[in-house]
Each structure stands twice: as structure tokens, then as C-alpha cells.
Protein backbone atom coordinates (compact mmCIF):
# COMPACT_ATOMS: atom_id res chain seq x y z
CA MET A 1 -0.04 -0.01 0.07
CA ARG A 2 1.42 3.70 -0.74
CA GLU A 3 2.60 5.91 1.70
CA VAL A 4 -0.23 8.65 2.43
CA ILE A 5 1.54 11.92 2.34
CA ARG A 6 -0.39 15.26 3.87
CA TYR A 7 0.53 18.66 2.65
CA SER A 8 -0.19 21.47 4.41
CA GLU A 9 -3.18 23.95 3.53
CA ALA A 10 -0.51 26.74 2.67
CA PHE A 11 1.68 24.44 0.67
CA LYS A 12 -1.51 23.76 -1.56
CA PHE A 13 -2.56 27.14 -1.92
CA ARG A 14 0.83 28.42 -2.87
CA LEU A 15 1.10 25.63 -5.18
CA ALA A 16 -2.34 26.19 -7.25
CA GLY A 17 -1.03 29.72 -7.29
CA ASP A 18 2.04 29.18 -9.00
CA VAL A 19 -0.07 27.21 -11.55
CA ALA A 20 -2.15 29.88 -12.10
CA SER A 21 0.79 32.29 -12.49
CA GLY A 22 2.33 29.75 -15.15
CA LYS A 23 5.07 29.08 -13.32
CA TYR A 24 4.60 25.61 -14.51
CA ALA A 25 3.41 24.67 -18.01
CA SER A 26 0.77 22.15 -16.81
CA LEU A 27 -0.40 20.63 -13.79
CA ASP A 28 1.61 17.34 -14.41
CA GLU A 29 4.51 19.31 -14.36
CA ALA A 30 3.77 20.98 -11.28
CA GLY A 31 3.04 17.89 -9.72
CA ARG A 32 6.49 16.34 -10.68
CA ARG A 33 8.33 19.10 -9.44
CA ASN A 34 6.47 19.19 -6.32
CA GLY A 35 6.69 15.26 -5.78
CA ILE A 36 2.93 14.71 -5.74
CA ARG A 37 2.29 11.36 -7.23
CA GLY A 38 -1.56 11.20 -7.64
CA GLY A 39 -2.68 11.92 -10.93
CA SER A 40 -5.51 13.97 -10.42
CA THR A 41 -4.13 15.72 -7.15
CA MET A 42 -3.50 18.88 -8.70
CA SER A 43 -6.73 19.18 -10.61
CA LYS A 44 -8.72 18.91 -7.23
CA ARG A 45 -6.48 21.22 -5.21
CA VAL A 46 -6.71 24.00 -8.46
CA LYS A 47 -10.67 23.37 -8.06
CA LYS A 48 -10.71 23.74 -4.30
CA TYR A 49 -8.85 27.16 -4.01
CA GLY A 50 -10.93 28.65 -7.06
CA ARG A 51 -8.29 28.47 -9.58
CA GLU A 52 -10.72 26.25 -12.06
CA GLY A 53 -10.03 28.94 -14.83
CA ILE A 54 -6.74 27.17 -15.65
CA LEU A 55 -8.01 23.86 -15.98
CA PRO A 56 -7.71 22.17 -19.44
CA LYS A 57 -11.88 22.31 -20.60
CA ARG A 58 -13.74 19.54 -22.05
CA VAL A 59 -15.33 20.15 -25.31
CA LYS A 60 -17.84 17.92 -26.84
CA ALA A 61 -17.00 18.53 -30.77
CA GLY A 62 -19.57 17.56 -33.36
CA THR A 63 -19.88 18.21 -37.12
CA MET A 64 -22.95 19.59 -38.71
CA ASN A 65 -23.50 16.45 -40.52
CA LYS A 66 -23.27 14.32 -37.34
CA THR A 67 -26.10 16.62 -35.89
CA GLY A 68 -28.33 16.42 -39.29
CA GLU A 69 -27.67 12.52 -38.80
CA LEU A 70 -29.03 12.59 -35.38
CA LYS A 71 -32.00 14.60 -36.15
CA ALA A 72 -32.63 12.53 -39.35
CA ALA A 73 -32.27 9.42 -37.04
CA ARG A 74 -34.64 10.41 -34.48
CA ARG A 75 -37.17 11.56 -37.39
CA ARG A 76 -37.21 8.19 -38.65
CA ILE A 77 -38.31 6.73 -35.60
CA ARG A 78 -40.98 9.16 -34.65
CA GLU A 79 -42.59 8.73 -38.33
CA PRO A 80 -43.43 4.86 -37.79
CA GLU A 81 -44.61 5.09 -34.21
CA ALA A 82 -47.12 8.23 -35.53
CA SER A 83 -48.25 5.60 -38.00
CA LEU A 84 -49.03 3.13 -35.41
CA THR A 85 -50.52 5.33 -32.93
CA GLY A 86 -53.00 6.45 -36.06
CA ALA A 87 -53.60 2.66 -36.94
CA HIS A 88 -54.63 1.97 -33.35
CA THR A 89 -56.69 4.60 -32.92
CA GLY A 90 -58.52 3.88 -36.69
CA TYR A 91 -59.23 0.45 -34.90
CA TYR A 92 -60.69 1.55 -32.01
CA LEU A 93 -62.73 4.01 -33.92
CA GLU A 94 -64.19 1.07 -36.08
CA SER A 95 -64.75 -0.99 -33.17
CA ALA A 96 -66.74 1.76 -31.12
CA PHE A 97 -68.83 2.27 -34.31
CA LEU A 98 -69.34 -1.12 -34.57
CA ASP A 99 -70.52 -1.45 -31.19
CA ILE A 100 -72.81 1.29 -31.84
CA ALA A 101 -74.43 -0.06 -34.94
CA CYS A 102 -75.04 -3.09 -33.66
CA GLU A 103 -76.62 -1.78 -30.41
CA ARG A 104 -79.09 0.19 -32.51
CA ALA A 105 -80.15 -2.74 -34.81
CA GLY A 106 -80.34 -4.97 -31.28
CA ARG A 107 -77.65 -7.21 -32.12
CA ASN A 108 -74.43 -8.35 -30.22
CA SER A 109 -71.59 -7.13 -31.35
CA GLN A 110 -69.20 -9.88 -29.95
């Protein structure tokens, strides 16, 4: 099991400030130079001390073509659903009309 190292709050705050000021090229470099082994330790410290603006941003990239394909796929799914709904509605209307006609004629529709 790895040895747990505890750092002082002052050290953590100073290190986050050094990263924000550009003293280190990256969070990884700051961690390596200061003997911090955990991969996410530096990003957690930066978030904790309010310097999130320096963290790398995650951007979801998508092309217009992919977006258009997704919309088209959703439309292809919706069209059959709508036609099935129409078919079911038509069936139930026909059944109801048959029941009414049989009732008026004095016959059983079943």
C-alpha cells in the first residue's frame, strides 16, 4: 500500500497559485516538480482553491453532418410511431362504430 502524504493548506494554496501564474507549464509538471504522485491531486487542489479557469476544458466536438444525421434518425423513429398510433386509433374507432351500429340494430357485436 502506498504511503499517504499530507500537505499543509499553505503549500496547497501556494502551489495552486504558482500554476495559475504560469510558473509551471501544466498541472502534471507542477505535480512532478513538487513530488506529488497522484494524477488528479493537482486538479483537485486547483478546483478547491478557486483557480478553475486554468484547468483544461472538455469540449464535445460534433460536426453539422453528425447533428443532422442524429436529427434524421430521430425523425425516422418518430414517423413509424406516429403511423402506428394512427392505425390503433382507426381500429378503436371502427370497433366503437361497430358496437354502436350493433346496439342500434339490436344485435350483439361480439
